[in-house]
């Protein structure tokens, strides 16, 4: 019998086989966060692991970190080769 409970991290309902399940977080919250993202075309983005502002720009000590347009299109990328 399956029961529906809330994920301890994000609060979204999820199906569990029983209340004895050790993982109290949903599958999405258990996903490993990658620091380096490699694409099929050979490009490599470096993901920012710090804070963000309202526009999803990387922020460090209250200032935008590595400001500029990213040619890769990912606002959280801090690969210096991608910043114009």
C-alpha atoms as a PDB file:
ATOM      1  CA  UNK A   1       0.000   0.000   0.000  1.00  0.00           C
ATOM      2  CA  UNK A   2       1.467   3.305  -1.094  1.00  0.00           C
ATOM      3  CA  UNK A   3       1.085   6.479   0.906  1.00  0.00           C
ATOM      4  CA  UNK A   4       1.614  10.066  -0.178  1.00  0.00           C
ATOM      5  CA  UNK A   5       3.907  12.258   1.916  1.00  0.00           C
ATOM      6  CA  UNK A   6       5.744  15.542   1.565  1.00  0.00           C
ATOM      7  CA  UNK A   7       9.425  15.746   0.622  1.00  0.00           C
ATOM      8  CA  UNK A   8      11.411  16.997   3.626  1.00  0.00           C
ATOM      9  CA  UNK A   9      13.446  19.374   1.420  1.00  0.00           C
ATOM     10  CA  UNK A  10      11.127  20.842  -1.227  1.00  0.00           C
ATOM     11  CA  UNK A  11       7.699  20.024   0.216  1.00  0.00           C
ATOM     12  CA  UNK A  12       6.287  18.382  -2.917  1.00  0.00           C
ATOM     13  CA  UNK A  13       3.994  15.358  -2.531  1.00  0.00           C
ATOM     14  CA  UNK A  14       5.612  12.066  -3.505  1.00  0.00           C
ATOM     15  CA  UNK A  15       4.608   8.428  -3.486  1.00  0.00           C
ATOM     16  CA  UNK A  16       6.393   6.116  -1.045  1.00  0.00           C
ATOM     17  CA  UNK A  17       6.047   2.359  -0.712  1.00  0.00           C
ATOM     18  CA  UNK A  18       5.797   2.613   3.088  1.00  0.00           C
ATOM     19  CA  UNK A  19       6.552   4.895   6.014  1.00  0.00           C
ATOM     20  CA  UNK A  20       9.692   2.859   6.747  1.00  0.00           C
ATOM     21  CA  UNK A  21      11.519   4.416   3.772  1.00  0.00           C
ATOM     22  CA  UNK A  22      14.877   5.890   4.814  1.00  0.00           C
ATOM     23  CA  UNK A  23      14.947   8.563   2.094  1.00  0.00           C
ATOM     24  CA  UNK A  24      12.708  11.392   3.224  1.00  0.00           C
ATOM     25  CA  UNK A  25      13.428  13.505   0.146  1.00  0.00           C
ATOM     26  CA  UNK A  26      12.083  13.145  -3.386  1.00  0.00           C
ATOM     27  CA  UNK A  27      14.092  11.908  -6.340  1.00  0.00           C
ATOM     28  CA  UNK A  28      14.676  15.461  -7.616  1.00  0.00           C
ATOM     29  CA  UNK A  29      16.185  16.541  -4.295  1.00  0.00           C
ATOM     30  CA  UNK A  30      18.502  13.506  -4.226  1.00  0.00           C
ATOM     31  CA  UNK A  31      20.087  14.351  -7.599  1.00  0.00           C
ATOM     32  CA  UNK A  32      23.814  15.062  -7.388  1.00  0.00           C
ATOM     33  CA  UNK A  33      24.668  18.659  -8.275  1.00  0.00           C
ATOM     34  CA  UNK A  34      27.328  18.896 -10.969  1.00  0.00           C
ATOM     35  CA  UNK A  35      30.062  21.536 -10.875  1.00  0.00           C
ATOM     36  CA  UNK A  36      31.280  20.938 -14.432  1.00  0.00           C
ATOM     37  CA  UNK A  37      28.775  20.438 -17.235  1.00  0.00           C
ATOM     38  CA  UNK A  38      30.128  18.922 -20.451  1.00  0.00           C
ATOM     39  CA  UNK A  39      28.163  19.120 -23.686  1.00  0.00           C
ATOM     40  CA  UNK A  40      28.343  16.944 -26.802  1.00  0.00           C
ATOM     41  CA  UNK A  41      29.859  19.809 -28.820  1.00  0.00           C
ATOM     42  CA  UNK A  42      32.890  19.862 -26.478  1.00  0.00           C
ATOM     43  CA  UNK A  43      31.874  22.972 -24.516  1.00  0.00           C
ATOM     44  CA  UNK A  44      32.371  22.921 -20.755  1.00  0.00           C
ATOM     45  CA  UNK A  45      30.426  25.170 -18.380  1.00  0.00           C
ATOM     46  CA  UNK A  46      31.426  25.715 -14.753  1.00  0.00           C
ATOM     47  CA  UNK A  47      28.371  26.052 -12.519  1.00  0.00           C
ATOM     48  CA  UNK A  48      28.369  28.743  -9.809  1.00  0.00           C
ATOM     49  CA  UNK A  49      27.764  27.228  -6.366  1.00  0.00           C
ATOM     50  CA  UNK A  50      27.160  30.452  -4.444  1.00  0.00           C
ATOM     51  CA  UNK A  51      24.304  32.924  -4.103  1.00  0.00           C
ATOM     52  CA  UNK A  52      22.203  34.454  -6.878  1.00  0.00           C
ATOM     53  CA  UNK A  53      20.364  37.755  -7.289  1.00  0.00           C
ATOM     54  CA  UNK A  54      16.763  38.156  -8.482  1.00  0.00           C
ATOM     55  CA  UNK A  55      17.872  37.816 -12.110  1.00  0.00           C
ATOM     56  CA  UNK A  56      19.832  34.581 -11.421  1.00  0.00           C
ATOM     57  CA  UNK A  57      23.230  36.278 -11.743  1.00  0.00           C
ATOM     58  CA  UNK A  58      26.010  34.822  -9.558  1.00  0.00           C
ATOM     59  CA  UNK A  59      26.603  36.984  -6.455  1.00  0.00           C
ATOM     60  CA  UNK A  60      29.599  37.035  -4.092  1.00  0.00           C
ATOM     61  CA  UNK A  61      29.706  39.351  -1.051  1.00  0.00           C
ATOM     62  CA  UNK A  62      26.716  41.296  -2.371  1.00  0.00           C
ATOM     63  CA  UNK A  63      28.289  42.005  -5.787  1.00  0.00           C
ATOM     64  CA  UNK A  64      27.637  40.327  -9.131  1.00  0.00           C
ATOM     65  CA  UNK A  65      30.409  37.773  -9.651  1.00  0.00           C
ATOM     66  CA  UNK A  66      32.060  37.747 -13.092  1.00  0.00           C
ATOM     67  CA  UNK A  67      29.588  40.174 -14.663  1.00  0.00           C
ATOM     68  CA  UNK A  68      28.961  40.002 -18.396  1.00  0.00           C
ATOM     69  CA  UNK A  69      27.039  38.152 -21.081  1.00  0.00           C
ATOM     70  CA  UNK A  70      27.644  34.410 -21.287  1.00  0.00           C
ATOM     71  CA  UNK A  71      28.113  33.196 -24.837  1.00  0.00           C
ATOM     72  CA  UNK A  72      26.884  29.772 -23.689  1.00  0.00           C
ATOM     73  CA  UNK A  73      23.573  31.302 -22.544  1.00  0.00           C
ATOM     74  CA  UNK A  74      23.777  29.971 -18.961  1.00  0.00           C
ATOM     75  CA  UNK A  75      23.664  32.768 -16.375  1.00  0.00           C
ATOM     76  CA  UNK A  76      25.228  30.574 -13.684  1.00  0.00           C
ATOM     77  CA  UNK A  77      28.282  29.684 -15.811  1.00  0.00           C
ATOM     78  CA  UNK A  78      31.574  31.067 -14.467  1.00  0.00           C
ATOM     79  CA  UNK A  79      33.865  29.685 -17.172  1.00  0.00           C
ATOM     80  CA  UNK A  80      35.986  32.757 -18.078  1.00  0.00           C
ATOM     81  CA  UNK A  81      36.043  31.655 -21.732  1.00  0.00           C
ATOM     82  CA  UNK A  82      32.230  32.033 -21.889  1.00  0.00           C
ATOM     83  CA  UNK A  83      32.038  35.574 -20.483  1.00  0.00           C
ATOM     84  CA  UNK A  84      32.150  38.534 -22.863  1.00  0.00           C
END
